[in-house]
Amino acid sequence: MIRLDDDQIPWHDGMTVADVLASVPDGRQYAVITVNGRYVSRPAFEHYLIPDNAEIRLIPMIAGG
């Protein structure tokens, strides 16, 4: 299992950030997330492997000016 914000979701071998975001209804809006406190940005989503028992935080994009 992995912790995604305040929820738990099943983990599987070879799981990537892209896999996790595919399970989130608004997953395409995230450009950066943290995995066990480490920042991961969109270019690495397809390749960054999620370890079992990871803690993932979704960081929403914020616009300002």
Protein backbone atom coordinates (compact mmCIF):
# COMPACT_ATOMS: atom_id res chain seq x y z
CA MET A 1 0.00 0.00 0.00
CA ILE A 2 1.01 3.59 -0.52
CA ARG A 3 -0.35 6.72 1.09
CA LEU A 4 -1.67 9.29 -1.37
CA ASP A 5 -2.38 12.46 0.60
CA ASP A 6 -4.83 11.12 3.22
CA ASP A 7 -5.88 7.97 1.36
CA GLN A 8 -4.29 4.57 0.90
CA ILE A 9 -4.13 2.91 -2.50
CA PRO A 10 -2.76 -0.49 -3.54
CA TRP A 11 0.86 -0.68 -4.64
CA HIS A 12 2.23 -2.95 -7.38
CA ASP A 13 5.74 -3.76 -8.56
CA GLY A 14 6.90 -1.31 -11.23
CA MET A 15 4.39 1.38 -10.22
CA THR A 16 5.35 4.85 -11.48
CA VAL A 17 4.17 8.34 -10.62
CA ALA A 18 2.18 8.32 -13.88
CA ASP A 19 0.35 5.17 -12.71
CA VAL A 20 -0.59 6.85 -9.44
CA LEU A 21 -1.81 10.00 -11.17
CA ALA A 22 -3.90 7.91 -13.58
CA SER A 23 -5.89 6.73 -10.55
CA VAL A 24 -6.70 10.31 -9.50
CA PRO A 25 -9.65 12.03 -11.24
CA ASP A 26 -7.75 15.31 -11.69
CA GLY A 27 -4.27 13.74 -11.99
CA ARG A 28 -3.32 15.54 -15.19
CA GLN A 29 -3.28 18.94 -13.45
CA TYR A 30 -0.25 18.14 -11.29
CA ALA A 31 3.19 19.25 -12.47
CA VAL A 32 5.02 18.34 -9.25
CA ILE A 33 4.43 15.86 -6.45
CA THR A 34 6.49 14.59 -3.54
CA VAL A 35 7.42 10.96 -2.97
CA ASN A 36 8.71 10.38 0.55
CA GLY A 37 9.52 14.10 0.75
CA ARG A 38 11.44 14.22 -2.53
CA TYR A 39 10.11 16.47 -5.30
CA VAL A 40 9.35 14.80 -8.64
CA SER A 41 8.35 16.90 -11.66
CA ARG A 42 6.29 16.02 -14.72
CA PRO A 43 9.18 15.03 -17.03
CA ALA A 44 10.02 12.15 -14.66
CA PHE A 45 6.46 10.89 -14.01
CA GLU A 46 6.62 8.05 -16.55
CA HIS A 47 9.92 6.69 -15.20
CA TYR A 48 9.99 7.47 -11.47
CA LEU A 49 9.29 4.24 -9.58
CA ILE A 50 7.17 4.34 -6.44
CA PRO A 51 8.46 2.15 -3.60
CA ASP A 52 6.04 0.13 -1.46
CA ASN A 53 4.82 2.05 1.61
CA ALA A 54 5.63 5.40 -0.03
CA GLU A 55 4.02 8.61 1.09
CA ILE A 56 2.92 10.75 -1.85
CA ARG A 57 1.72 14.33 -1.67
CA LEU A 58 0.01 16.01 -4.62
CA ILE A 59 1.03 19.64 -5.06
CA PRO A 60 -1.61 21.66 -6.90
CA MET A 61 -0.58 24.27 -9.45
CA ILE A 62 -1.22 27.79 -8.22
CA ALA A 63 -1.50 30.83 -10.47
CA GLY A 64 -0.80 34.27 -9.25
CA GLY A 65 0.32 37.60 -10.33
